[in-house]
Amino acid sequence: YFVSELALMDSNNYLNPVGVGEREGRVYSDLVRKRHYNFS
């Protein structure tokens, strides 16, 4: 619960994010995303 709340504070987990930089925390694999608790 705590780790998930922290991850929601990162921009890659915002609702409707718009990222135009070279590093926006995009993760292709759901397995990888789950492994890192949505931190990227």
PDB file of all heavy atoms in Angstrom:
ATOM      1  N   TYR A   1       0.842  -1.203   0.000  1.00  0.00           N
ATOM      2  CA  TYR A   1       0.000   0.000   0.000  1.00  0.00           C
ATOM      3  C   TYR A   1       0.879   1.255   0.000  1.00  0.00           C
ATOM      4  O   TYR A   1       0.680   2.181  -0.790  1.00  0.00           O
ATOM      5  CB  TYR A   1      -0.909  -0.035   1.225  1.00  0.00           C
ATOM      6  CG  TYR A   1      -1.615   1.253   1.571  1.00  0.00           C
ATOM      7  CD1 TYR A   1      -2.531   1.835   0.703  1.00  0.00           C
ATOM      8  CD2 TYR A   1      -1.392   1.869   2.798  1.00  0.00           C
ATOM      9  CE1 TYR A   1      -3.193   3.004   1.034  1.00  0.00           C
ATOM     10  CE2 TYR A   1      -2.043   3.042   3.144  1.00  0.00           C
ATOM     11  CZ  TYR A   1      -2.944   3.612   2.258  1.00  0.00           C
ATOM     12  OH  TYR A   1      -3.596   4.773   2.591  1.00  0.00           O
ATOM     13  N   PHE A   2       1.891   1.265   0.853  1.00  0.00           N
ATOM     14  CA  PHE A   2       2.792   2.410   0.974  1.00  0.00           C
ATOM     15  C   PHE A   2       3.594   2.627  -0.307  1.00  0.00           C
ATOM     16  O   PHE A   2       3.671   3.745  -0.845  1.00  0.00           O
ATOM     17  CB  PHE A   2       3.729   2.184   2.165  1.00  0.00           C
ATOM     18  CG  PHE A   2       4.743   3.273   2.369  1.00  0.00           C
ATOM     19  CD1 PHE A   2       4.369   4.611   2.430  1.00  0.00           C
ATOM     20  CD2 PHE A   2       6.089   2.958   2.514  1.00  0.00           C
ATOM     21  CE1 PHE A   2       5.307   5.613   2.629  1.00  0.00           C
ATOM     22  CE2 PHE A   2       7.034   3.955   2.710  1.00  0.00           C
ATOM     23  CZ  PHE A   2       6.638   5.284   2.767  1.00  0.00           C
ATOM     24  N   VAL A   3       4.178   1.542  -0.823  1.00  0.00           N
ATOM     25  CA  VAL A   3       4.997   1.644  -2.032  1.00  0.00           C
ATOM     26  C   VAL A   3       4.145   2.082  -3.225  1.00  0.00           C
ATOM     27  O   VAL A   3       4.573   2.913  -4.047  1.00  0.00           O
ATOM     28  CB  VAL A   3       5.687   0.294  -2.315  1.00  0.00           C
ATOM     29  CG1 VAL A   3       6.313   0.276  -3.696  1.00  0.00           C
ATOM     30  CG2 VAL A   3       6.750   0.017  -1.257  1.00  0.00           C
ATOM     31  N   SER A   4       2.930   1.570  -3.328  1.00  0.00           N
ATOM     32  CA  SER A   4       2.043   1.964  -4.425  1.00  0.00           C
ATOM     33  C   SER A   4       1.665   3.440  -4.337  1.00  0.00           C
ATOM     34  O   SER A   4       1.598   4.130  -5.363  1.00  0.00           O
ATOM     35  CB  SER A   4       0.773   1.101  -4.412  1.00  0.00           C
ATOM     36  OG  SER A   4       1.086  -0.257  -4.638  1.00  0.00           O
ATOM     37  N   GLU A   5       1.450   3.924  -3.120  1.00  0.00           N
ATOM     38  CA  GLU A   5       1.134   5.347  -2.944  1.00  0.00           C
ATOM     39  C   GLU A   5       2.318   6.216  -3.374  1.00  0.00           C
ATOM     40  O   GLU A   5       2.131   7.273  -3.992  1.00  0.00           O
ATOM     41  CB  GLU A   5       0.786   5.627  -1.480  1.00  0.00           C
ATOM     42  CG  GLU A   5      -0.557   5.073  -1.037  1.00  0.00           C
ATOM     43  CD  GLU A   5      -1.715   5.891  -1.591  1.00  0.00           C
ATOM     44  OE1 GLU A   5      -1.789   7.086  -1.301  1.00  0.00           O
ATOM     45  OE2 GLU A   5      -2.539   5.310  -2.329  1.00  0.00           O
ATOM     46  N   LEU A   6       3.533   5.790  -3.048  1.00  0.00           N
ATOM     47  CA  LEU A   6       4.713   6.542  -3.475  1.00  0.00           C
ATOM     48  C   LEU A   6       4.835   6.540  -4.991  1.00  0.00           C
ATOM     49  O   LEU A   6       5.139   7.569  -5.611  1.00  0.00           O
ATOM     50  CB  LEU A   6       5.970   5.950  -2.845  1.00  0.00           C
ATOM     51  CG  LEU A   6       6.162   6.128  -1.338  1.00  0.00           C
ATOM     52  CD1 LEU A   6       7.430   5.424  -0.874  1.00  0.00           C
ATOM     53  CD2 LEU A   6       6.237   7.606  -0.962  1.00  0.00           C
ATOM     54  N   ALA A   7       4.598   5.379  -5.610  1.00  0.00           N
ATOM     55  CA  ALA A   7       4.721   5.285  -7.066  1.00  0.00           C
ATOM     56  C   ALA A   7       3.724   6.192  -7.778  1.00  0.00           C
ATOM     57  O   ALA A   7       4.023   6.749  -8.840  1.00  0.00           O
ATOM     58  CB  ALA A   7       4.534   3.837  -7.514  1.00  0.00           C
ATOM     59  N   LEU A   8       2.550   6.382  -7.211  1.00  0.00           N
ATOM     60  CA  LEU A   8       1.539   7.258  -7.819  1.00  0.00           C
ATOM     61  C   LEU A   8       1.983   8.711  -7.860  1.00  0.00           C
ATOM     62  O   LEU A   8       1.414   9.522  -8.599  1.00  0.00           O
ATOM     63  CB  LEU A   8       0.218   7.143  -7.055  1.00  0.00           C
ATOM     64  CG  LEU A   8      -0.568   5.838  -7.242  1.00  0.00           C
ATOM     65  CD1 LEU A   8      -1.785   5.819  -6.330  1.00  0.00           C
ATOM     66  CD2 LEU A   8      -0.979   5.659  -8.704  1.00  0.00           C
ATOM     67  N   MET A   9       3.018   9.054  -7.081  1.00  0.00           N
ATOM     68  CA  MET A   9       3.530  10.423  -7.065  1.00  0.00           C
ATOM     69  C   MET A   9       4.502  10.696  -8.213  1.00  0.00           C
ATOM     70  O   MET A   9       4.920  11.842  -8.416  1.00  0.00           O
ATOM     71  CB  MET A   9       4.224  10.694  -5.731  1.00  0.00           C
ATOM     72  CG  MET A   9       3.293  10.624  -4.525  1.00  0.00           C
ATOM     73  SD  MET A   9       4.190  10.545  -2.950  1.00  0.00           S
ATOM     74  CE  MET A   9       5.054  12.122  -2.948  1.00  0.00           C
ATOM     75  N   ASP A  10       4.888   9.652  -8.960  1.00  0.00           N
ATOM     76  CA  ASP A  10       5.790   9.816 -10.098  1.00  0.00           C
ATOM     77  C   ASP A  10       4.983  10.124 -11.360  1.00  0.00           C
ATOM     78  O   ASP A  10       3.876   9.594 -11.553  1.00  0.00           O
ATOM     79  CB  ASP A  10       6.621   8.560 -10.316  1.00  0.00           C
ATOM     80  CG  ASP A  10       7.755   8.429  -9.308  1.00  0.00           C
ATOM     81  OD1 ASP A  10       7.822   9.272  -8.389  1.00  0.00           O
ATOM     82  OD2 ASP A  10       8.561   7.483  -9.430  1.00  0.00           O
ATOM     83  N   SER A  11       5.549  10.932 -12.233  1.00  0.00           N
ATOM     84  CA  SER A  11       4.807  11.449 -13.389  1.00  0.00           C
ATOM     85  C   SER A  11       4.343  10.362 -14.348  1.00  0.00           C
ATOM     86  O   SER A  11       3.318  10.520 -15.019  1.00  0.00           O
ATOM     87  CB  SER A  11       5.663  12.465 -14.150  1.00  0.00           C
ATOM     88  OG  SER A  11       6.839  11.859 -14.665  1.00  0.00           O
ATOM     89  N   ASN A  12       5.064   9.244 -14.436  1.00  0.00           N
ATOM     90  CA  ASN A  12       4.634   8.181 -15.346  1.00  0.00           C
ATOM     91  C   ASN A  12       3.335   7.527 -14.907  1.00  0.00           C
ATOM     92  O   ASN A  12       2.690   6.826 -15.700  1.00  0.00           O
ATOM     93  CB  ASN A  12       5.731   7.118 -15.487  1.00  0.00           C
ATOM     94  CG  ASN A  12       6.107   6.476 -14.164  1.00  0.00           C
ATOM     95  OD1 ASN A  12       6.629   7.143 -13.289  1.00  0.00           O
ATOM     96  ND2 ASN A  12       5.860   5.183 -14.034  1.00  0.00           N
ATOM     97  N   ASN A  13       2.916   7.783 -13.663  1.00  0.00           N
ATOM     98  CA  ASN A  13       1.678   7.200 -13.148  1.00  0.00           C
ATOM     99  C   ASN A  13       0.561   8.226 -12.975  1.00  0.00           C
ATOM    100  O   ASN A  13      -0.491   7.910 -12.413  1.00  0.00           O
ATOM    101  CB  ASN A  13       1.951   6.501 -11.808  1.00  0.00           C
ATOM    102  CG  ASN A  13       2.922   5.360 -11.941  1.00  0.00           C
ATOM    103  OD1 ASN A  13       2.784   4.514 -12.821  1.00  0.00           O
ATOM    104  ND2 ASN A  13       3.938   5.327 -11.092  1.00  0.00           N
ATOM    105  N   TYR A  14       0.769   9.460 -13.455  1.00  0.00           N
ATOM    106  CA  TYR A  14      -0.294  10.454 -13.422  1.00  0.00           C
ATOM    107  C   TYR A  14      -1.423  10.016 -14.364  1.00  0.00           C
ATOM    108  O   TYR A  14      -1.198   9.283 -15.337  1.00  0.00           O
ATOM    109  CB  TYR A  14       0.209  11.819 -13.897  1.00  0.00           C
ATOM    110  CG  TYR A  14       1.208  12.502 -12.982  1.00  0.00           C
ATOM    111  CD1 TYR A  14       1.843  13.671 -13.399  1.00  0.00           C
ATOM    112  CD2 TYR A  14       1.515  11.995 -11.732  1.00  0.00           C
ATOM    113  CE1 TYR A  14       2.763  14.318 -12.581  1.00  0.00           C
ATOM    114  CE2 TYR A  14       2.431  12.624 -10.908  1.00  0.00           C
ATOM    115  CZ  TYR A  14       3.064  13.782 -11.333  1.00  0.00           C
ATOM    116  OH  TYR A  14       3.972  14.412 -10.535  1.00  0.00           O
ATOM    117  N   LEU A  15      -2.627  10.492 -14.090  1.00  0.00           N
ATOM    118  CA  LEU A  15      -3.734  10.266 -15.007  1.00  0.00           C
ATOM    119  C   LEU A  15      -3.523  11.111 -16.264  1.00  0.00           C
ATOM    120  O   LEU A  15      -3.200  12.300 -16.182  1.00  0.00           O
ATOM    121  CB  LEU A  15      -5.063  10.639 -14.345  1.00  0.00           C
ATOM    122  CG  LEU A  15      -5.559   9.704 -13.237  1.00  0.00           C
ATOM    123  CD1 LEU A  15      -6.814  10.276 -12.585  1.00  0.00           C
ATOM    124  CD2 LEU A  15      -5.836   8.311 -13.785  1.00  0.00           C
ATOM    125  N   ASN A  16      -3.664  10.493 -17.428  1.00  0.00           N
ATOM    126  CA  ASN A  16      -3.527  11.178 -18.719  1.00  0.00           C
ATOM    127  C   ASN A  16      -2.216  11.958 -18.832  1.00  0.00           C
ATOM    128  O   ASN A  16      -2.220  13.167 -19.109  1.00  0.00           O
ATOM    129  CB  ASN A  16      -4.709  12.128 -18.949  1.00  0.00           C
ATOM    130  CG  ASN A  16      -6.042  11.412 -18.872  1.00  0.00           C
ATOM    131  OD1 ASN A  16      -6.209  10.340 -19.438  1.00  0.00           O
ATOM    132  ND2 ASN A  16      -6.989  12.008 -18.141  1.00  0.00           N
ATOM    133  N   PRO A  17      -1.068  11.324 -18.616  1.00  0.00           N
ATOM    134  CA  PRO A  17       0.203  12.040 -18.719  1.00  0.00           C
ATOM    135  C   PRO A  17       0.522  12.401 -20.170  1.00  0.00           C
ATOM    136  O   PRO A  17       0.130  11.687 -21.095  1.00  0.00           O
ATOM    137  CB  PRO A  17       1.218  11.027 -18.173  1.00  0.00           C
ATOM    138  CG  PRO A  17       0.602   9.699 -18.484  1.00  0.00           C
ATOM    139  CD  PRO A  17      -0.882   9.895 -18.337  1.00  0.00           C
ATOM    140  N   VAL A  18       1.203  13.512 -20.344  1.00  0.00           N
ATOM    141  CA  VAL A  18       1.672  13.933 -21.663  1.00  0.00           C
ATOM    142  C   VAL A  18       3.176  14.122 -21.562  1.00  0.00           C
ATOM    143  O   VAL A  18       3.657  15.113 -21.013  1.00  0.00           O
ATOM    144  CB  VAL A  18       0.993  15.238 -22.124  1.00  0.00           C
ATOM    145  CG1 VAL A  18       1.530  15.653 -23.499  1.00  0.00           C
ATOM    146  CG2 VAL A  18      -0.521  15.070 -22.172  1.00  0.00           C
ATOM    147  N   GLY A  19       3.923  13.177 -22.097  1.00  0.00           N
ATOM    148  CA  GLY A  19       5.375  13.230 -21.995  1.00  0.00           C
ATOM    149  C   GLY A  19       6.012  13.480 -23.338  1.00  0.00           C
ATOM    150  O   GLY A  19       5.780  12.738 -24.291  1.00  0.00           O
ATOM    151  N   VAL A  20       6.815  14.523 -23.438  1.00  0.00           N
ATOM    152  CA  VAL A  20       7.463  14.852 -24.710  1.00  0.00           C
ATOM    153  C   VAL A  20       8.986  14.904 -24.552  1.00  0.00           C
ATOM    154  O   VAL A  20       9.684  15.486 -25.387  1.00  0.00           O
ATOM    155  CB  VAL A  20       6.938  16.191 -25.291  1.00  0.00           C
ATOM    156  CG1 VAL A  20       5.487  16.065 -25.693  1.00  0.00           C
ATOM    157  CG2 VAL A  20       7.114  17.314 -24.264  1.00  0.00           C
ATOM    158  N   GLY A  21       9.490  14.330 -23.482  1.00  0.00           N
ATOM    159  CA  GLY A  21      10.932  14.288 -23.277  1.00  0.00           C
ATOM    160  C   GLY A  21      11.523  12.986 -23.768  1.00  0.00           C
ATOM    161  O   GLY A  21      10.818  12.113 -24.302  1.00  0.00           O
ATOM    162  N   GLU A  22      12.840  12.834 -23.584  1.00  0.00           N
ATOM    163  CA  GLU A  22      13.503  11.613 -24.044  1.00  0.00           C
ATOM    164  C   GLU A  22      13.418  10.511 -22.998  1.00  0.00           C
ATOM    165  O   GLU A  22      13.714   9.364 -23.279  1.00  0.00           O
ATOM    166  CB  GLU A  22      14.978  11.913 -24.395  1.00  0.00           C
ATOM    167  CG  GLU A  22      15.970  11.874 -23.241  1.00  0.00           C
ATOM    168  CD  GLU A  22      15.818  13.016 -22.240  1.00  0.00           C
ATOM    169  OE1 GLU A  22      15.004  13.938 -22.481  1.00  0.00           O
ATOM    170  OE2 GLU A  22      16.509  12.980 -21.208  1.00  0.00           O
ATOM    171  N   ARG A  23      13.029  10.861 -21.785  1.00  0.00           N
ATOM    172  CA  ARG A  23      12.913   9.862 -20.722  1.00  0.00           C
ATOM    173  C   ARG A  23      11.632  10.154 -19.949  1.00  0.00           C
ATOM    174  O   ARG A  23      11.578  11.069 -19.143  1.00  0.00           O
ATOM    175  CB  ARG A  23      14.120   9.917 -19.793  1.00  0.00           C
ATOM    176  CG  ARG A  23      14.093   8.834 -18.711  1.00  0.00           C
ATOM    177  CD  ARG A  23      15.205   8.990 -17.701  1.00  0.00           C
ATOM    178  NE  ARG A  23      16.493   8.596 -18.250  1.00  0.00           N
ATOM    179  CZ  ARG A  23      17.509   9.431 -18.417  1.00  0.00           C
ATOM    180  NH1 ARG A  23      17.369  10.703 -18.074  1.00  0.00           N
ATOM    181  NH2 ARG A  23      18.657   9.019 -18.908  1.00  0.00           N
ATOM    182  N   GLU A  24      10.598   9.361 -20.195  1.00  0.00           N
ATOM    183  CA  GLU A  24       9.290   9.627 -19.593  1.00  0.00           C
ATOM    184  C   GLU A  24       8.784   8.469 -18.744  1.00  0.00           C
ATOM    185  O   GLU A  24       7.615   8.412 -18.404  1.00  0.00           O
ATOM    186  CB  GLU A  24       8.268   9.949 -20.689  1.00  0.00           C
ATOM    187  CG  GLU A  24       8.570  11.224 -21.463  1.00  0.00           C
ATOM    188  CD  GLU A  24       8.519  12.473 -20.596  1.00  0.00           C
ATOM    189  OE1 GLU A  24       7.946  12.422 -19.498  1.00  0.00           O
ATOM    190  OE2 GLU A  24       9.073  13.509 -21.020  1.00  0.00           O
ATOM    191  N   GLY A  25       9.654   7.530 -18.436  1.00  0.00           N
ATOM    192  CA  GLY A  25       9.272   6.437 -17.565  1.00  0.00           C
ATOM    193  C   GLY A  25       8.329   5.442 -18.206  1.00  0.00           C
ATOM    194  O   GLY A  25       7.568   4.764 -17.497  1.00  0.00           O
ATOM    195  N   ARG A  26       8.373   5.344 -19.518  1.00  0.00           N
ATOM    196  CA  ARG A  26       7.498   4.386 -20.198  1.00  0.00           C
ATOM    197  C   ARG A  26       8.089   2.978 -20.076  1.00  0.00           C
ATOM    198  O   ARG A  26       9.281   2.777 -20.287  1.00  0.00           O
ATOM    199  CB  ARG A  26       7.353   4.760 -21.668  1.00  0.00           C
ATOM    200  CG  ARG A  26       6.719   6.132 -21.888  1.00  0.00           C
ATOM    201  CD  ARG A  26       6.516   6.394 -23.370  1.00  0.00           C
ATOM    202  NE  ARG A  26       5.904   7.702 -23.591  1.00  0.00           N
ATOM    203  CZ  ARG A  26       6.578   8.800 -23.921  1.00  0.00           C
ATOM    204  NH1 ARG A  26       7.898   8.718 -24.085  1.00  0.00           N
ATOM    205  NH2 ARG A  26       5.958   9.940 -24.106  1.00  0.00           N
ATOM    206  N   VAL A  27       7.228   2.021 -19.741  1.00  0.00           N
ATOM    207  CA  VAL A  27       7.662   0.624 -19.606  1.00  0.00           C
ATOM    208  C   VAL A  27       6.728  -0.240 -20.451  1.00  0.00           C
ATOM    209  O   VAL A  27       5.510  -0.225 -20.255  1.00  0.00           O
ATOM    210  CB  VAL A  27       7.628   0.164 -18.134  1.00  0.00           C
ATOM    211  CG1 VAL A  27       8.037  -1.294 -18.008  1.00  0.00           C
ATOM    212  CG2 VAL A  27       8.545   1.035 -17.277  1.00  0.00           C
ATOM    213  N   TYR A  28       7.303  -0.985 -21.390  1.00  0.00           N
ATOM    214  CA  TYR A  28       6.495  -1.763 -22.329  1.00  0.00           C
ATOM    215  C   TYR A  28       5.854  -2.981 -21.665  1.00  0.00           C
ATOM    216  O   TYR A  28       4.677  -3.258 -21.840  1.00  0.00           O
ATOM    217  CB  TYR A  28       7.369  -2.208 -23.504  1.00  0.00           C
ATOM    218  CG  TYR A  28       6.644  -3.093 -24.487  1.00  0.00           C
ATOM    219  CD1 TYR A  28       5.749  -2.559 -25.414  1.00  0.00           C
ATOM    220  CD2 TYR A  28       6.843  -4.478 -24.475  1.00  0.00           C
ATOM    221  CE1 TYR A  28       5.069  -3.374 -26.306  1.00  0.00           C
ATOM    222  CE2 TYR A  28       6.170  -5.305 -25.356  1.00  0.00           C
ATOM    223  CZ  TYR A  28       5.289  -4.743 -26.277  1.00  0.00           C
ATOM    224  OH  TYR A  28       4.622  -5.560 -27.144  1.00  0.00           O
ATOM    225  N   SER A  29       6.629  -3.728 -20.901  1.00  0.00           N
ATOM    226  CA  SER A  29       6.148  -4.994 -20.354  1.00  0.00           C
ATOM    227  C   SER A  29       5.421  -4.799 -19.023  1.00  0.00           C
ATOM    228  O   SER A  29       5.949  -4.173 -18.109  1.00  0.00           O
ATOM    229  CB  SER A  29       7.324  -5.957 -20.160  1.00  0.00           C
ATOM    230  OG  SER A  29       6.937  -7.094 -19.428  1.00  0.00           O
ATOM    231  N   ASP A  30       4.217  -5.360 -18.940  1.00  0.00           N
ATOM    232  CA  ASP A  30       3.487  -5.308 -17.674  1.00  0.00           C
ATOM    233  C   ASP A  30       4.212  -6.083 -16.584  1.00  0.00           C
ATOM    234  O   ASP A  30       4.152  -5.723 -15.409  1.00  0.00           O
ATOM    235  CB  ASP A  30       2.077  -5.884 -17.844  1.00  0.00           C
ATOM    236  CG  ASP A  30       1.138  -4.910 -18.535  1.00  0.00           C
ATOM    237  OD1 ASP A  30       1.438  -3.695 -18.517  1.00  0.00           O
ATOM    238  OD2 ASP A  30       0.122  -5.350 -19.085  1.00  0.00           O
ATOM    239  N   LEU A  31       4.915  -7.157 -16.962  1.00  0.00           N
ATOM    240  CA  LEU A  31       5.665  -7.934 -15.974  1.00  0.00           C
ATOM    241  C   LEU A  31       6.778  -7.089 -15.358  1.00  0.00           C
ATOM    242  O   LEU A  31       7.009  -7.113 -14.146  1.00  0.00           O
ATOM    243  CB  LEU A  31       6.258  -9.190 -16.620  1.00  0.00           C
ATOM    244  CG  LEU A  31       5.274 -10.273 -17.052  1.00  0.00           C
ATOM    245  CD1 LEU A  31       6.007 -11.401 -17.772  1.00  0.00           C
ATOM    246  CD2 LEU A  31       4.514 -10.825 -15.850  1.00  0.00           C
ATOM    247  N   VAL A  32       7.481  -6.343 -16.209  1.00  0.00           N
ATOM    248  CA  VAL A  32       8.547  -5.476 -15.715  1.00  0.00           C
ATOM    249  C   VAL A  32       7.961  -4.371 -14.841  1.00  0.00           C
ATOM    250  O   VAL A  32       8.508  -4.041 -13.782  1.00  0.00           O
ATOM    251  CB  VAL A  32       9.350  -4.868 -16.891  1.00  0.00           C
ATOM    252  CG1 VAL A  32      10.336  -3.836 -16.386  1.00  0.00           C
ATOM    253  CG2 VAL A  32      10.083  -5.973 -17.639  1.00  0.00           C
ATOM    254  N   ARG A  33       6.846  -3.809 -15.263  1.00  0.00           N
ATOM    255  CA  ARG A  33       6.214  -2.737 -14.492  1.00  0.00           C
ATOM    256  C   ARG A  33       5.810  -3.239 -13.097  1.00  0.00           C
ATOM    257  O   ARG A  33       6.038  -2.567 -12.091  1.00  0.00           O
ATOM    258  CB  ARG A  33       4.997  -2.203 -15.235  1.00  0.00           C
ATOM    259  CG  ARG A  33       4.351  -0.974 -14.576  1.00  0.00           C
ATOM    260  CD  ARG A  33       3.125  -0.484 -15.335  1.00  0.00           C
ATOM    261  NE  ARG A  33       3.481  -0.030 -16.670  1.00  0.00           N
ATOM    262  CZ  ARG A  33       3.192  -0.668 -17.779  1.00  0.00           C
ATOM    263  NH1 ARG A  33       2.550  -1.847 -17.728  1.00  0.00           N
ATOM    264  NH2 ARG A  33       3.532  -0.188 -18.943  1.00  0.00           N
ATOM    265  N   LYS A  34       5.217  -4.423 -13.049  1.00  0.00           N
ATOM    266  CA  LYS A  34       4.804  -4.988 -11.765  1.00  0.00           C
ATOM    267  C   LYS A  34       6.016  -5.314 -10.898  1.00  0.00           C
ATOM    268  O   LYS A  34       5.980  -5.129  -9.674  1.00  0.00           O
ATOM    269  CB  LYS A  34       3.966  -6.246 -11.988  1.00  0.00           C
ATOM    270  CG  LYS A  34       2.599  -5.974 -12.587  1.00  0.00           C
ATOM    271  CD  LYS A  34       1.877  -7.282 -12.897  1.00  0.00           C
ATOM    272  CE  LYS A  34       0.534  -7.014 -13.560  1.00  0.00           C
ATOM    273  NZ  LYS A  34      -0.150  -8.287 -13.944  1.00  0.00           N
ATOM    274  N   ARG A  35       7.080  -5.815 -11.543  1.00  0.00           N
ATOM    275  CA  ARG A  35       8.296  -6.153 -10.796  1.00  0.00           C
ATOM    276  C   ARG A  35       8.855  -4.942 -10.070  1.00  0.00           C
ATOM    277  O   ARG A  35       9.416  -5.056  -8.976  1.00  0.00           O
ATOM    278  CB  ARG A  35       9.337  -6.715 -11.762  1.00  0.00           C
ATOM    279  CG  ARG A  35      10.692  -6.989 -11.153  1.00  0.00           C
ATOM    280  CD  ARG A  35      11.634  -7.613 -12.164  1.00  0.00           C
ATOM    281  NE  ARG A  35      12.959  -7.780 -11.578  1.00  0.00           N
ATOM    282  CZ  ARG A  35      14.032  -7.120 -11.969  1.00  0.00           C
ATOM    283  NH1 ARG A  35      13.951  -6.248 -12.954  1.00  0.00           N
ATOM    284  NH2 ARG A  35      15.204  -7.320 -11.392  1.00  0.00           N
ATOM    285  N   HIS A  36       8.712  -3.769 -10.667  1.00  0.00           N
ATOM    286  CA  HIS A  36       9.263  -2.545 -10.081  1.00  0.00           C
ATOM    287  C   HIS A  36       8.197  -1.699  -9.375  1.00  0.00           C
ATOM    288  O   HIS A  36       8.461  -0.535  -9.058  1.00  0.00           O
ATOM    289  CB  HIS A  36       9.957  -1.722 -11.163  1.00  0.00           C
ATOM    290  CG  HIS A  36      11.186  -2.369 -11.717  1.00  0.00           C
ATOM    291  ND1 HIS A  36      12.423  -2.256 -11.121  1.00  0.00           N
ATOM    292  CD2 HIS A  36      11.367  -3.176 -12.802  1.00  0.00           C
ATOM    293  CE1 HIS A  36      13.311  -2.943 -11.814  1.00  0.00           C
ATOM    294  NE2 HIS A  36      12.697  -3.511 -12.833  1.00  0.00           N
ATOM    295  N   TYR A  37       7.013  -2.263  -9.137  1.00  0.00           N
ATOM    296  CA  TYR A  37       5.937  -1.558  -8.435  1.00  0.00           C
ATOM    297  C   TYR A  37       5.621  -0.204  -9.084  1.00  0.00           C
ATOM    298  O   TYR A  37       5.344   0.780  -8.394  1.00  0.00           O
ATOM    299  CB  TYR A  37       6.287  -1.369  -6.961  1.00  0.00           C
ATOM    300  CG  TYR A  37       6.129  -2.620  -6.146  1.00  0.00           C
ATOM    301  CD1 TYR A  37       7.196  -3.501  -5.975  1.00  0.00           C
ATOM    302  CD2 TYR A  37       4.918  -2.954  -5.557  1.00  0.00           C
ATOM    303  CE1 TYR A  37       7.062  -4.661  -5.238  1.00  0.00           C
ATOM    304  CE2 TYR A  37       4.772  -4.104  -4.812  1.00  0.00           C
ATOM    305  CZ  TYR A  37       5.838  -4.960  -4.663  1.00  0.00           C
ATOM    306  OH  TYR A  37       5.695  -6.109  -3.935  1.00  0.00           O
ATOM    307  N   ASN A  38       5.722  -0.135 -10.413  1.00  0.00           N
ATOM    308  CA  ASN A  38       5.409   1.065 -11.192  1.00  0.00           C
ATOM    309  C   ASN A  38       6.426   2.192 -11.045  1.00  0.00           C
ATOM    310  O   ASN A  38       6.182   3.307 -11.516  1.00  0.00           O
ATOM    311  CB  ASN A  38       4.000   1.590 -10.874  1.00  0.00           C
ATOM    312  CG  ASN A  38       2.915   0.625 -11.301  1.00  0.00           C
ATOM    313  OD1 ASN A  38       2.988   0.039 -12.384  1.00  0.00           O
ATOM    314  ND2 ASN A  38       1.925   0.424 -10.450  1.00  0.00           N
ATOM    315  N   PHE A  39       7.563   1.931 -10.404  1.00  0.00           N
ATOM    316  CA  PHE A  39       8.659   2.914 -10.405  1.00  0.00           C
ATOM    317  C   PHE A  39       9.470   2.717 -11.685  1.00  0.00           C
ATOM    318  O   PHE A  39       9.796   1.579 -12.046  1.00  0.00           O
ATOM    319  CB  PHE A  39       9.582   2.717  -9.205  1.00  0.00           C
ATOM    320  CG  PHE A  39       8.993   3.141  -7.894  1.00  0.00           C
ATOM    321  CD1 PHE A  39       8.516   2.202  -6.992  1.00  0.00           C
ATOM    322  CD2 PHE A  39       8.920   4.485  -7.558  1.00  0.00           C
ATOM    323  CE1 PHE A  39       7.976   2.592  -5.771  1.00  0.00           C
ATOM    324  CE2 PHE A  39       8.378   4.886  -6.345  1.00  0.00           C
ATOM    325  CZ  PHE A  39       7.912   3.942  -5.449  1.00  0.00           C
ATOM    326  N   SER A  40       9.824   3.797 -12.347  1.00  0.00           N
ATOM    327  CA  SER A  40      10.627   3.647 -13.568  1.00  0.00           C
ATOM    328  C   SER A  40      11.603   4.793 -13.799  1.00  0.00           C
ATOM    329  O   SER A  40      12.412   4.727 -14.726  1.00  0.00           O
ATOM    330  CB  SER A  40       9.709   3.516 -14.799  1.00  0.00           C
ATOM    331  OG  SER A  40       8.938   4.681 -14.971  1.00  0.00           O
TER     332      SER A  40
END
